[in-house]
Amino acid sequence: MPVPPRIAAAVEVLDPQPGDVVLEAGGGNGVSAQLICSRLGAGRLIALDRSAVATQRTLARNAEHAEAGRLEAVTGSLGDLRGRDATVDRALTVNVNVFWTSPADAELEALRRVLRPGGLVVLAWGAEGPQPAARIVDAVTTGLDRHGFTAVASIDDPRLVGLTAVRP
């Protein structure tokens, strides 16, 4: 299965490093998990999705990473994620619309809580989507600012619409 351009671009922006602990929320069928895990070495990916089917597909696609301890697939919502405070170096979401269609307070607070100080979050959407980029970026910027993220910046990649930000 070919890697969708938005997924490849988002993982490039995330730039996971060997040894990182990464959280991906809404990873779907595990394509991005495969790309992330292949770069982690002794690091680890927590792949979170609300769909049990998506969680199983992620595990099936990435069985070798799960067996090696690089992948933990979790069924649940980002807003309800508990017990991982300040344990994550980088976080990624791709095409998770809650960040621009609602205030996403529970989700943004969860990201702030799980990221270590200085941790990077990448919130991205495929550039081919029907929504104007400014509508997405403006709404997400407002949410990130409201939750105290710093260094908020637009992603400079023609395949993506989105932002990066840092947890202070």
C-alpha atoms as a PDB file:
ATOM      1  CA  MET A   1       0.000   0.000   0.000  1.00  0.00           C
ATOM      2  CA  PRO A   2       1.508   3.344  -1.011  1.00  0.00           C
ATOM      3  CA  VAL A   3       2.012   5.971   1.679  1.00  0.00           C
ATOM      4  CA  PRO A   4      -0.360   8.935   1.230  1.00  0.00           C
ATOM      5  CA  PRO A   5       1.605  12.160   0.656  1.00  0.00           C
ATOM      6  CA  ARG A   6       0.030  13.848   3.719  1.00  0.00           C
ATOM      7  CA  ILE A   7       1.242  11.003   5.975  1.00  0.00           C
ATOM      8  CA  ALA A   8       4.781  11.054   4.579  1.00  0.00           C
ATOM      9  CA  ALA A   9       4.928  14.837   4.939  1.00  0.00           C
ATOM     10  CA  ALA A  10       3.542  14.848   8.483  1.00  0.00           C
ATOM     11  CA  VAL A  11       6.099  12.270   9.655  1.00  0.00           C
ATOM     12  CA  GLU A  12       8.862  14.320   8.019  1.00  0.00           C
ATOM     13  CA  VAL A  13       7.712  17.412   9.934  1.00  0.00           C
ATOM     14  CA  LEU A  14       7.454  15.396  13.169  1.00  0.00           C
ATOM     15  CA  ASP A  15      11.007  14.128  12.576  1.00  0.00           C
ATOM     16  CA  PRO A  16      11.011  11.368  15.221  1.00  0.00           C
ATOM     17  CA  GLN A  17      14.459  10.641  16.593  1.00  0.00           C
ATOM     18  CA  PRO A  18      15.926   7.387  17.927  1.00  0.00           C
ATOM     19  CA  GLY A  19      14.969   7.113  21.572  1.00  0.00           C
ATOM     20  CA  ASP A  20      11.938   9.435  21.353  1.00  0.00           C
ATOM     21  CA  VAL A  21       8.609   8.594  22.922  1.00  0.00           C
ATOM     22  CA  VAL A  22       5.961   9.620  20.384  1.00  0.00           C
ATOM     23  CA  LEU A  23       2.189   9.839  20.707  1.00  0.00           C
ATOM     24  CA  GLU A  24       0.065   9.597  17.595  1.00  0.00           C
ATOM     25  CA  ALA A  25      -3.635  10.278  18.013  1.00  0.00           C
ATOM     26  CA  GLY A  26      -6.001   9.132  15.291  1.00  0.00           C
ATOM     27  CA  GLY A  27      -3.530   7.002  13.364  1.00  0.00           C
ATOM     28  CA  GLY A  28      -6.132   4.953  11.530  1.00  0.00           C
ATOM     29  CA  ASN A  29      -4.735   1.899   9.770  1.00  0.00           C
ATOM     30  CA  GLY A  30      -1.148   2.246  10.982  1.00  0.00           C
ATOM     31  CA  VAL A  31       0.656   3.602   7.917  1.00  0.00           C
ATOM     32  CA  SER A  32       2.131   6.510   9.877  1.00  0.00           C
ATOM     33  CA  ALA A  33       2.956   4.175  12.776  1.00  0.00           C
ATOM     34  CA  GLN A  34       5.058   2.119  10.399  1.00  0.00           C
ATOM     35  CA  LEU A  35       7.004   5.194   9.276  1.00  0.00           C
ATOM     36  CA  ILE A  36       7.459   6.506  12.811  1.00  0.00           C
ATOM     37  CA  CYS A  37       8.492   3.179  14.368  1.00  0.00           C
ATOM     38  CA  SER A  38      11.093   2.587  11.668  1.00  0.00           C
ATOM     39  CA  ARG A  39      12.887   5.750  12.878  1.00  0.00           C
ATOM     40  CA  LEU A  40      12.663   5.213  16.648  1.00  0.00           C
ATOM     41  CA  GLY A  41      15.400   2.681  17.375  1.00  0.00           C
ATOM     42  CA  ALA A  42      15.017   2.202  21.145  1.00  0.00           C
ATOM     43  CA  GLY A  43      12.174   4.738  21.238  1.00  0.00           C
ATOM     44  CA  ARG A  44       8.490   4.008  21.452  1.00  0.00           C
ATOM     45  CA  LEU A  45       5.233   4.994  19.758  1.00  0.00           C
ATOM     46  CA  ILE A  46       1.905   5.148  21.544  1.00  0.00           C
ATOM     47  CA  ALA A  47      -0.650   4.849  18.727  1.00  0.00           C
ATOM     48  CA  LEU A  48      -4.020   6.011  20.032  1.00  0.00           C
ATOM     49  CA  ASP A  49      -7.284   5.705  18.117  1.00  0.00           C
ATOM     50  CA  ARG A  50     -10.939   5.767  19.176  1.00  0.00           C
ATOM     51  CA  SER A  51     -11.653   2.839  16.864  1.00  0.00           C
ATOM     52  CA  ALA A  52     -10.858  -0.693  18.022  1.00  0.00           C
ATOM     53  CA  VAL A  53     -10.757  -1.724  14.352  1.00  0.00           C
ATOM     54  CA  ALA A  54      -8.101   0.922  13.647  1.00  0.00           C
ATOM     55  CA  THR A  55      -6.103  -0.217  16.670  1.00  0.00           C
ATOM     56  CA  GLN A  56      -6.164  -3.825  15.412  1.00  0.00           C
ATOM     57  CA  ARG A  57      -5.150  -2.734  11.901  1.00  0.00           C
ATOM     58  CA  THR A  58      -2.239  -0.768  13.337  1.00  0.00           C
ATOM     59  CA  LEU A  59      -1.074  -3.819  15.290  1.00  0.00           C
ATOM     60  CA  ALA A  60      -1.484  -6.132  12.293  1.00  0.00           C
ATOM     61  CA  ARG A  61       0.461  -3.802   9.979  1.00  0.00           C
ATOM     62  CA  ASN A  62       3.195  -3.257  12.581  1.00  0.00           C
ATOM     63  CA  ALA A  63       3.455  -6.588  14.393  1.00  0.00           C
ATOM     64  CA  GLU A  64       7.259  -6.555  14.314  1.00  0.00           C
ATOM     65  CA  HIS A  65       7.351  -3.136  15.996  1.00  0.00           C
ATOM     66  CA  ALA A  66       4.856  -4.222  18.660  1.00  0.00           C
ATOM     67  CA  GLU A  67       6.871  -7.380  19.347  1.00  0.00           C
ATOM     68  CA  ALA A  68      10.067  -5.303  19.626  1.00  0.00           C
ATOM     69  CA  GLY A  69       8.415  -2.988  22.166  1.00  0.00           C
ATOM     70  CA  ARG A  70       8.459   0.048  19.875  1.00  0.00           C
ATOM     71  CA  LEU A  71       4.673   0.175  19.431  1.00  0.00           C
ATOM     72  CA  GLU A  72       1.861   0.283  21.929  1.00  0.00           C
ATOM     73  CA  ALA A  73      -1.575   0.515  20.285  1.00  0.00           C
ATOM     74  CA  VAL A  74      -4.298   1.923  22.525  1.00  0.00           C
ATOM     75  CA  THR A  75      -8.028   2.207  21.873  1.00  0.00           C
ATOM     76  CA  GLY A  76      -9.427   5.397  23.370  1.00  0.00           C
ATOM     77  CA  SER A  77      -9.832   9.116  22.906  1.00  0.00           C
ATOM     78  CA  LEU A  78      -7.132  11.714  23.318  1.00  0.00           C
ATOM     79  CA  GLY A  79      -9.242  13.760  25.704  1.00  0.00           C
ATOM     80  CA  ASP A  80      -9.510  10.764  28.043  1.00  0.00           C
ATOM     81  CA  LEU A  81      -5.821   9.778  27.933  1.00  0.00           C
ATOM     82  CA  ARG A  82      -4.490   9.484  31.488  1.00  0.00           C
ATOM     83  CA  GLY A  83      -1.406   8.245  33.310  1.00  0.00           C
ATOM     84  CA  ARG A  84       1.222   9.470  30.844  1.00  0.00           C
ATOM     85  CA  ASP A  85       1.926  12.958  32.148  1.00  0.00           C
ATOM     86  CA  ALA A  86       5.128  14.533  30.798  1.00  0.00           C
ATOM     87  CA  THR A  87       6.295  11.274  29.187  1.00  0.00           C
ATOM     88  CA  VAL A  88       6.069  12.132  25.464  1.00  0.00           C
ATOM     89  CA  ASP A  89       8.715  13.923  23.374  1.00  0.00           C
ATOM     90  CA  ARG A  90       6.623  14.440  20.221  1.00  0.00           C
ATOM     91  CA  ALA A  91       2.950  14.157  19.294  1.00  0.00           C
ATOM     92  CA  LEU A  92       1.228  13.882  15.922  1.00  0.00           C
ATOM     93  CA  THR A  93      -2.276  14.038  14.568  1.00  0.00           C
ATOM     94  CA  VAL A  94      -3.185  13.868  10.883  1.00  0.00           C
ATOM     95  CA  ASN A  95      -6.696  14.700   9.695  1.00  0.00           C
ATOM     96  CA  VAL A  96      -8.119  14.831  13.228  1.00  0.00           C
ATOM     97  CA  ASN A  97     -10.793  17.446  12.652  1.00  0.00           C
ATOM     98  CA  VAL A  98     -11.792  18.093  16.268  1.00  0.00           C
ATOM     99  CA  PHE A  99      -8.909  20.589  16.522  1.00  0.00           C
ATOM    100  CA  TRP A 100     -10.518  23.012  14.065  1.00  0.00           C
ATOM    101  CA  THR A 101     -14.221  22.082  14.230  1.00  0.00           C
ATOM    102  CA  SER A 102     -14.571  22.596  17.988  1.00  0.00           C
ATOM    103  CA  PRO A 103     -12.640  24.228  20.835  1.00  0.00           C
ATOM    104  CA  ALA A 104     -10.898  20.839  21.415  1.00  0.00           C
ATOM    105  CA  ASP A 105     -10.140  21.842  24.999  1.00  0.00           C
ATOM    106  CA  ALA A 106      -9.939  18.274  26.345  1.00  0.00           C
ATOM    107  CA  GLU A 107      -7.698  17.184  23.465  1.00  0.00           C
ATOM    108  CA  LEU A 108      -5.347  20.170  23.667  1.00  0.00           C
ATOM    109  CA  GLU A 109      -5.114  19.886  27.429  1.00  0.00           C
ATOM    110  CA  ALA A 110      -4.277  16.183  27.061  1.00  0.00           C
ATOM    111  CA  LEU A 111      -1.489  17.027  24.605  1.00  0.00           C
ATOM    112  CA  ARG A 112      -0.120  19.679  26.961  1.00  0.00           C
ATOM    113  CA  ARG A 113      -0.271  17.226  29.871  1.00  0.00           C
ATOM    114  CA  VAL A 114       1.470  14.284  28.146  1.00  0.00           C
ATOM    115  CA  LEU A 115       4.189  16.267  26.391  1.00  0.00           C
ATOM    116  CA  ARG A 116       7.414  16.918  28.255  1.00  0.00           C
ATOM    117  CA  PRO A 117       8.457  20.570  28.528  1.00  0.00           C
ATOM    118  CA  GLY A 118       9.909  21.444  25.132  1.00  0.00           C
ATOM    119  CA  GLY A 119       7.928  18.651  23.468  1.00  0.00           C
ATOM    120  CA  LEU A 120       6.743  19.173  19.894  1.00  0.00           C
ATOM    121  CA  VAL A 121       3.198  18.722  18.625  1.00  0.00           C
ATOM    122  CA  VAL A 122       2.316  18.487  14.919  1.00  0.00           C
ATOM    123  CA  LEU A 123      -1.342  18.964  13.978  1.00  0.00           C
ATOM    124  CA  ALA A 124      -1.735  18.393  10.230  1.00  0.00           C
ATOM    125  CA  TRP A 125      -4.317  17.888   7.494  1.00  0.00           C
ATOM    126  CA  GLY A 126      -3.889  16.925   3.871  1.00  0.00           C
ATOM    127  CA  ALA A 127      -3.695  20.009   1.639  1.00  0.00           C
ATOM    128  CA  GLU A 128      -6.161  18.385  -0.766  1.00  0.00           C
ATOM    129  CA  GLY A 129      -9.061  18.804   1.685  1.00  0.00           C
ATOM    130  CA  PRO A 130     -12.133  20.895   0.858  1.00  0.00           C
ATOM    131  CA  GLN A 131     -11.690  23.425   3.686  1.00  0.00           C
ATOM    132  CA  PRO A 132      -9.753  26.661   3.185  1.00  0.00           C
ATOM    133  CA  ALA A 133      -6.367  26.421   4.890  1.00  0.00           C
ATOM    134  CA  ALA A 134      -6.887  29.711   6.733  1.00  0.00           C
ATOM    135  CA  ARG A 135     -10.046  28.401   8.390  1.00  0.00           C
ATOM    136  CA  ILE A 136      -8.163  25.410   9.804  1.00  0.00           C
ATOM    137  CA  VAL A 137      -4.985  27.285  10.762  1.00  0.00           C
ATOM    138  CA  ASP A 138      -6.836  30.162  12.452  1.00  0.00           C
ATOM    139  CA  ALA A 139      -8.987  27.853  14.579  1.00  0.00           C
ATOM    140  CA  VAL A 140      -6.080  25.615  15.588  1.00  0.00           C
ATOM    141  CA  THR A 141      -3.825  28.589  16.368  1.00  0.00           C
ATOM    142  CA  THR A 142      -6.485  29.974  18.693  1.00  0.00           C
ATOM    143  CA  GLY A 143      -6.721  26.662  20.543  1.00  0.00           C
ATOM    144  CA  LEU A 144      -2.959  26.229  20.847  1.00  0.00           C
ATOM    145  CA  ASP A 145      -2.586  29.794  22.149  1.00  0.00           C
ATOM    146  CA  ARG A 146      -5.432  29.295  24.634  1.00  0.00           C
ATOM    147  CA  HIS A 147      -3.675  26.220  26.060  1.00  0.00           C
ATOM    148  CA  GLY A 148      -0.308  27.901  26.423  1.00  0.00           C
ATOM    149  CA  PHE A 149       1.636  26.295  23.590  1.00  0.00           C
ATOM    150  CA  THR A 150       4.541  28.362  22.273  1.00  0.00           C
ATOM    151  CA  ALA A 151       6.491  28.654  19.029  1.00  0.00           C
ATOM    152  CA  VAL A 152       3.265  28.091  17.075  1.00  0.00           C
ATOM    153  CA  ALA A 153       4.183  27.963  13.380  1.00  0.00           C
ATOM    154  CA  SER A 154       2.469  27.048  10.138  1.00  0.00           C
ATOM    155  CA  ILE A 155       3.788  23.967   8.363  1.00  0.00           C
ATOM    156  CA  ASP A 156       5.635  24.920   5.203  1.00  0.00           C
ATOM    157  CA  ASP A 157       4.910  21.935   2.971  1.00  0.00           C
ATOM    158  CA  PRO A 158       2.605  21.918  -0.074  1.00  0.00           C
ATOM    159  CA  ARG A 159       1.198  18.519   0.945  1.00  0.00           C
ATOM    160  CA  LEU A 160      -0.052  19.753   4.330  1.00  0.00           C
ATOM    161  CA  VAL A 161      -2.114  22.330   6.127  1.00  0.00           C
ATOM    162  CA  GLY A 162      -1.291  22.562   9.791  1.00  0.00           C
ATOM    163  CA  LEU A 163       0.806  23.798  12.651  1.00  0.00           C
ATOM    164  CA  THR A 164       3.648  22.850  14.890  1.00  0.00           C
ATOM    165  CA  ALA A 165       3.883  24.045  18.479  1.00  0.00           C
ATOM    166  CA  VAL A 166       5.959  23.478  21.586  1.00  0.00           C
ATOM    167  CA  ARG A 167       4.863  22.744  25.114  1.00  0.00           C
ATOM    168  CA  PRO A 168       6.526  25.309  27.393  1.00  0.00           C
END
